[in-house]
Every structure is written in C-alpha cells, then in structure tokens.
Protein backbone atom coordinates (compact mmCIF):
# COMPACT_ATOMS: atom_id res chain seq x y z
CA MET A 1 -75.90 69.29 -4.46
CA ILE A 2 -72.50 70.35 -3.15
CA LYS A 3 -71.56 66.70 -2.52
CA GLU A 4 -72.47 65.73 -6.09
CA PHE A 5 -70.45 68.64 -7.46
CA ALA A 6 -67.46 67.65 -5.31
CA GLU A 7 -67.60 64.08 -6.61
CA SER A 8 -67.84 65.30 -10.20
CA ALA A 9 -64.96 67.71 -9.64
CA LYS A 10 -62.84 64.91 -8.19
CA GLY A 11 -63.41 62.85 -11.32
CA LEU A 12 -62.33 65.75 -13.53
CA THR A 13 -58.98 66.20 -11.76
CA LYS A 14 -57.58 62.90 -13.06
CA ASN A 15 -56.10 64.41 -16.20
CA PRO A 16 -55.03 67.84 -17.57
CA LEU A 17 -58.07 68.07 -19.82
CA GLY A 18 -60.44 67.60 -16.86
CA ILE A 19 -58.61 70.19 -14.76
CA ILE A 20 -58.89 72.74 -17.56
CA GLY A 21 -62.59 71.96 -17.96
CA LEU A 22 -63.19 72.31 -14.21
CA PHE A 23 -61.40 75.66 -14.16
CA ILE A 24 -63.50 76.94 -17.06
CA VAL A 25 -66.76 75.84 -15.41
CA LEU A 26 -65.85 77.46 -12.11
CA VAL A 27 -64.76 80.78 -13.64
CA TYR A 28 -67.79 81.05 -15.89
CA GLY A 29 -70.13 79.87 -13.13
CA PHE A 30 -68.87 82.44 -10.64
CA ALA A 31 -69.22 85.21 -13.22
CA CYS A 32 -72.82 84.20 -13.95
CA LEU A 33 -73.55 83.94 -10.23
CA VAL A 34 -72.20 87.42 -9.52
CA LEU A 35 -74.21 88.94 -12.34
CA ALA A 36 -77.40 87.11 -11.34
CA LEU A 37 -77.24 87.99 -7.64
CA SER A 38 -75.77 91.47 -7.82
CA GLY A 39 -76.81 92.62 -11.26
CA LYS A 40 -79.53 94.92 -9.94
CA ASN A 41 -77.12 96.57 -7.52
CA LEU A 42 -74.43 97.23 -10.10
CA GLN A 43 -74.04 100.43 -12.03
CA PRO A 44 -74.13 100.22 -15.85
CA ASP A 45 -70.37 100.79 -16.08
CA GLU A 46 -69.84 98.02 -13.50
CA ARG A 47 -72.26 95.62 -15.15
CA GLN A 48 -70.89 96.06 -18.69
CA PRO A 49 -67.48 94.36 -18.09
CA LEU A 50 -69.26 91.31 -16.68
CA ILE A 51 -71.56 91.09 -19.66
CA TRP A 52 -68.66 91.41 -22.09
CA PHE A 53 -66.80 88.72 -20.13
CA LEU A 54 -69.75 86.33 -20.41
CA VAL A 55 -69.97 87.00 -24.15
CA LEU A 56 -66.27 86.83 -25.02
CA PHE A 57 -65.11 84.12 -22.58
CA PRO A 58 -66.63 81.16 -24.53
CA ILE A 59 -65.12 82.49 -27.78
CA CYS A 60 -61.67 82.80 -26.19
CA ILE A 61 -61.99 79.30 -24.73
CA LEU A 62 -62.96 77.92 -28.15
CA VAL A 63 -59.87 79.48 -29.77
CA ALA A 64 -57.62 78.31 -26.93
CA PHE A 65 -58.98 74.76 -27.09
CA PHE A 66 -58.55 74.67 -30.86
CA ARG A 67 -54.86 75.56 -30.53
CA LEU A 68 -54.40 73.21 -27.58
CA VAL A 69 -56.00 70.20 -29.24
CA THR A 70 -54.27 70.92 -32.56
CA ASN A 71 -50.74 71.45 -31.24
CA HIS A 72 -50.58 69.73 -27.85
CA HIS A 73 -53.16 66.92 -27.90
CA LYS A 74 -50.58 64.35 -26.68
CA LYS A 75 -50.32 66.14 -23.32
CA LEU A 76 -54.02 66.23 -22.46
CA TYR A 77 -54.45 62.69 -21.15
CA ALA A 78 -53.32 60.80 -18.08
CA PRO A 79 -52.24 57.12 -18.16
CA SER A 80 -55.55 56.16 -16.50
CA ASP A 81 -57.42 57.40 -19.60
CA TYR A 82 -56.01 54.51 -21.60
CA ARG A 83 -57.33 50.96 -21.58
CA ASP A 84 -54.59 49.92 -19.16
CA GLU A 85 -52.68 52.64 -17.34
CA ARG A 86 -49.79 50.24 -16.75
CA LEU A 87 -49.10 50.24 -20.48
CA PHE A 88 -49.17 53.92 -21.42
CA PHE A 89 -48.13 54.78 -24.96
CA SER A 90 -47.91 57.94 -27.01
CA PRO A 91 -47.26 58.60 -30.72
CA GLN A 92 -43.68 59.27 -31.76
CA SER A 93 -42.79 62.61 -33.27
CA ASP A 94 -41.58 62.63 -36.86
CA LYS A 95 -38.12 63.62 -35.65
CA ARG A 96 -37.90 60.73 -33.18
CA ARG A 97 -39.20 58.24 -35.75
CA THR A 98 -36.56 59.42 -38.22
CA GLN A 99 -33.82 59.01 -35.61
CA ILE A 100 -34.95 55.49 -34.71
CA ARG A 101 -35.16 54.43 -38.35
CA GLU A 102 -31.73 55.91 -39.07
CA GLN A 103 -30.27 53.90 -36.20
CA GLU A 104 -31.86 50.67 -37.45
CA VAL A 105 -30.66 51.30 -40.99
CA ARG A 106 -27.15 51.84 -39.64
CA GLN A 107 -27.36 48.45 -37.92
CA ILE A 108 -28.34 46.80 -41.18
CA GLU A 109 -25.52 48.53 -43.05
CA SER A 110 -23.07 47.49 -40.34
CA GLN A 111 -24.11 43.84 -40.73
CA GLU A 112 -23.76 44.08 -44.50
CA ALA A 113 -20.32 45.63 -44.23
CA GLU A 114 -19.18 42.97 -41.78
CA THR A 115 -20.43 40.21 -44.09
CA ALA A 116 -18.81 41.76 -47.15
CA GLY A 117 -15.60 42.65 -45.28
CA CYS A 118 -15.71 46.37 -46.05
CA GLU A 119 -15.97 49.59 -44.07
CA VAL A 120 -19.23 51.23 -43.02
CA THR A 121 -19.99 54.43 -44.91
CA SER A 122 -20.53 57.68 -43.05
CA ARG A 123 -24.21 57.78 -43.98
CA PRO A 124 -26.56 54.98 -45.11
CA ALA A 125 -27.43 54.96 -48.80
CA PRO A 126 -30.73 56.76 -49.57
CA SER A 127 -32.01 53.64 -51.34
CA LEU A 128 -31.52 51.59 -48.16
CA ARG A 129 -33.40 54.14 -46.06
CA ALA A 130 -36.22 54.22 -48.60
CA SER A 131 -36.44 50.43 -48.71
CA TYR A 132 -36.54 50.20 -44.92
CA ALA A 133 -39.34 52.76 -44.71
CA ASP A 134 -41.22 50.91 -47.44
CA ALA A 135 -40.74 47.58 -45.66
CA GLU A 136 -42.11 48.99 -42.39
CA ARG A 137 -45.16 50.52 -44.04
CA LEU A 138 -46.09 47.42 -46.03
CA ALA A 139 -45.40 44.91 -43.23
CA LEU A 140 -47.62 46.90 -40.85
CA LEU A 141 -50.41 46.76 -43.43
CA ALA A 142 -49.99 42.98 -43.71
CA LEU A 143 -50.00 42.51 -39.93
CA GLU A 144 -53.02 44.75 -39.48
CA GLN A 145 -54.90 42.61 -41.97
CA GLU A 146 -53.86 39.41 -40.18
CA ILE A 147 -54.67 40.65 -36.67
CA GLY A 148 -58.00 42.00 -37.88
CA LYS A 149 -57.88 45.15 -35.76
CA PRO A 150 -56.27 48.55 -36.37
CA PHE A 151 -53.37 49.37 -34.08
CA GLN A 152 -51.45 52.51 -33.25
CA LYS A 153 -48.31 52.85 -35.34
CA TYR A 154 -44.93 54.22 -34.27
CA VAL A 155 -45.40 54.71 -30.56
CA ASP A 156 -43.33 55.08 -27.39
CA VAL A 157 -44.46 52.62 -24.72
CA LYS A 158 -44.05 53.81 -21.13
CA THR A 159 -44.30 51.50 -18.15
CA HIS A 160 -42.23 50.73 -15.07
CA ASN A 161 -40.26 53.96 -15.58
CA ARG A 162 -39.11 52.81 -18.99
CA ILE A 163 -39.73 54.20 -22.45
CA GLU A 164 -39.32 51.89 -25.43
CA PRO A 165 -40.17 52.50 -29.10
CA PHE A 166 -42.28 50.04 -31.06
CA ASP A 167 -43.55 50.11 -34.63
CA GLY A 168 -47.07 49.24 -33.46
CA VAL A 169 -49.14 48.62 -30.32
CA LEU A 170 -52.60 47.16 -29.79
CA VAL A 171 -54.05 46.79 -26.26
CA THR A 172 -57.26 44.87 -25.63
CA ASP A 173 -58.91 43.72 -22.40
CA LYS A 174 -56.52 40.84 -21.83
CA GLU A 175 -53.85 41.22 -24.50
CA ALA A 176 -51.04 43.59 -25.35
CA HIS A 177 -49.73 43.27 -28.91
CA LEU A 178 -46.26 44.73 -29.44
CA ILE A 179 -45.25 44.98 -33.10
CA GLU A 180 -41.77 45.39 -34.52
CA VAL A 181 -40.58 45.30 -38.14
CA LYS A 182 -37.01 44.57 -39.27
CA TYR A 183 -35.60 44.67 -42.79
CA PHE A 184 -32.76 42.48 -44.09
CA THR A 185 -30.93 42.87 -47.39
CA ARG A 186 -28.77 39.74 -46.91
CA PRO A 187 -29.66 36.23 -45.63
CA THR A 188 -27.50 36.75 -42.53
CA PHE A 189 -28.27 38.26 -39.16
CA LYS A 190 -26.80 38.75 -35.72
CA ARG A 191 -28.70 36.94 -33.02
CA GLU A 192 -28.35 39.86 -30.60
CA PHE A 193 -30.00 42.14 -33.16
CA LEU A 194 -33.29 40.26 -32.72
CA GLU A 195 -32.73 39.39 -29.06
CA ALA A 196 -32.68 43.12 -28.32
CA VAL A 197 -36.32 43.29 -29.43
CA ILE A 198 -37.21 40.34 -27.18
CA HIS A 199 -35.50 42.07 -24.27
CA ARG A 200 -37.42 45.29 -24.83
CA ALA A 201 -40.71 43.45 -24.96
CA SER A 202 -39.90 41.41 -21.83
CA GLY A 203 -39.93 44.61 -19.79
CA PHE A 204 -43.70 44.75 -20.05
CA ILE A 205 -44.60 41.76 -17.89
CA TRP A 206 -46.49 43.94 -15.45
CA ASN A 207 -48.04 41.51 -12.95
CA LYS A 208 -47.42 41.83 -9.22
CA THR A 209 -45.54 38.51 -9.14
CA MET A 210 -44.23 36.26 -11.84
CA ASP A 211 -46.17 33.34 -10.28
CA GLU A 212 -49.60 34.73 -11.13
CA LYS A 213 -49.58 33.21 -14.59
CA GLU A 214 -53.32 32.62 -14.65
CA ASP A 215 -53.99 36.34 -14.12
CA ARG A 216 -51.28 37.66 -16.37
CA GLU A 217 -52.34 39.70 -19.35
CA THR A 218 -51.18 37.97 -22.54
CA ILE A 219 -48.32 39.74 -24.25
CA ILE A 220 -47.84 38.96 -27.93
CA LEU A 221 -44.76 40.16 -29.77
CA TRP A 222 -45.23 40.27 -33.53
CA LEU A 223 -41.80 40.27 -35.13
CA ALA A 224 -42.11 40.91 -38.86
CA LEU A 225 -38.96 40.26 -40.87
CA VAL A 226 -38.99 41.74 -44.35
CA VAL A 227 -36.23 40.58 -46.70
CA GLY A 228 -34.91 42.06 -49.90
CA PHE A 229 -32.58 39.27 -50.98
CA ASP A 230 -33.22 36.34 -53.33
CA LYS A 231 -36.38 34.38 -52.46
CA ALA A 232 -34.47 31.10 -52.79
CA ALA A 233 -32.45 31.98 -49.69
CA LEU A 234 -35.54 32.78 -47.59
CA PRO A 235 -36.30 29.23 -46.28
CA ALA A 236 -32.80 28.77 -44.85
CA PHE A 237 -32.88 32.26 -43.35
CA GLN A 238 -36.28 31.56 -41.82
CA ASN A 239 -35.07 28.33 -40.21
CA LYS A 240 -32.08 30.10 -38.64
CA VAL A 241 -34.26 32.83 -37.19
CA GLU A 242 -36.86 30.41 -35.82
CA GLU A 243 -34.13 28.41 -34.09
CA SER A 244 -32.63 31.53 -32.53
CA VAL A 245 -35.65 33.58 -31.43
CA SER A 246 -37.93 32.50 -28.60
CA SER A 247 -39.20 33.61 -25.18
CA GLU A 248 -40.69 31.76 -22.22
CA LEU A 249 -42.37 34.91 -20.89
CA PHE A 250 -44.68 35.68 -23.79
CA ASP A 251 -45.81 34.63 -27.23
CA VAL A 252 -43.42 35.53 -30.07
CA ARG A 253 -45.03 35.35 -33.50
CA LEU A 254 -42.57 35.52 -36.38
CA ARG A 255 -43.73 36.63 -39.80
CA PHE A 256 -41.54 36.60 -42.91
CA TYR A 257 -42.23 38.72 -45.99
CA HIS A 258 -40.40 39.42 -49.20
CA ILE A 259 -40.51 43.12 -49.99
CA GLU A 260 -41.40 42.60 -53.65
CA GLU A 261 -44.39 40.44 -52.73
CA LEU A 262 -45.56 43.09 -50.27
CA ARG A 263 -45.24 45.76 -52.95
CA GLN A 264 -47.24 43.71 -55.41
CA LYS A 265 -50.00 43.09 -52.85
CA TYR A 266 -50.23 46.48 -51.10
CA GLY A 267 -48.59 48.85 -53.54
C-alpha cells in the first residue's frame, strides 16, 4: 500500500499542478486520520476545529484553484506534460504579441521608406498596423484550413535554452509545424528579412546528432506571405522569394496570399 502510494506520489511531483494536488491530499488525509483515530479522545472544543477544517478546507481549495487556473494557468505545467518536452511552447501575452507585431511593422515601414527614398516616421501608421494584424489573422485561418488541424496561435517556443516567437505551432507524433506570417505592401523585400525566420526555425533540430536523419522528427516551416500591392506584381514577387528562400535542414512551405482575396473568403 505504501509502495503504491510512493509511486503515485512520485508521478505527481513532475509538475507544479501535481505537487499542489499531492500537498492537498496529504494535508486533508492527515486531518481525517487524526479525527478518525483520536476523535473519541478529544474534547468537544478540541474536536470542533478539526471538523471545521474538514468542512472549510475543500471550499478554500476550490476558490484557490479557481483563481490559480484563471490567472496563472500557464505556470501549472512542466515541459514533460506536452507532446514533446524538447519543444515546449507557451501562449504569448497580449503585451508581448503587441511588441512583436510593432517590431515587424517597423521592419515593413523601413523597407518601404528605403524603397521610396524617404525617412522612417517615428511611429508606424495605424492603417499599416491594422492591415498587418488583419493579414496575420486571415492567413492563419487559411493555413489552418489547409493543414486540416487546429494549431496554437501566437506562442513562444522554448528549446535548447532559447525562446523564439512564432505565429503558430502544431506538434504531432513525428512532426513539428512552425508557422510564420509576413505582410508586404510593396513587391520588394530584403532577403535577410525572410532568412531570419529560417534561422529561428533551424534552432529546433533537436536530435542527438545531425547524422540521425532517419530518426529525426520532421520540421515543417510554413511561411505565409500576405501582400497588399497590385495582384499583377505578385507572380514576379513570388518568383524572387522562391529563389531566395530555402533550407536543407527542414521543409519550407511558402504560401502567397493577397489580402483582399483573404478578406473576401474569410471576412
């Protein structure tokens, strides 16, 4: 009996949620044990606090768990609770997502300014930020429909002591899908702008050696490029991107969308 309990307790100590559950079971169990074995020997004023504890403790735990799960649910799990603990990811906060999007919008504005030969404004135009957010939302809907499985959106991926943001992640038994969306308002781009995404994704080749190709989990990078310029310029832009973006380490799948077509299809 004790051996079985010890094995069960060992399993519960793998994550914060299990440790909390084990603590609750032990505290409540000891209280019940004391009352059951010594209840007859206790005076009424000694027995009453134990009874009140047994009555109120589950209610307090319920309230505490409600607040914990509502406000701090991201901190309750260990990497081993996920499908593959070597690829541990967590949702981004609204503040972090806003910061990342602002940085990407600034990159787009910088490219536009360089192409047009003008200075970068102090803050991106609200219309550009709104279009970028719209492009991300609609492209993720289109990719989710193509992949055929729902994926987690706007996450931080943690592995090998690195933390990288991605617009979407889907992990299956043998595949890790990393999803990134970029928005372009002109049919020009800097090669390093897209190569930076390839570099981030290349950090998640997590095998013991690079020679074990037959055992390597398949990593698929979905790079969705949403454009807002004239559709007539899209084929030439697509050819330039396809010639510039590739990786020998994993599968890069390029998808091109025009933002107006996405709006018509997904609203």
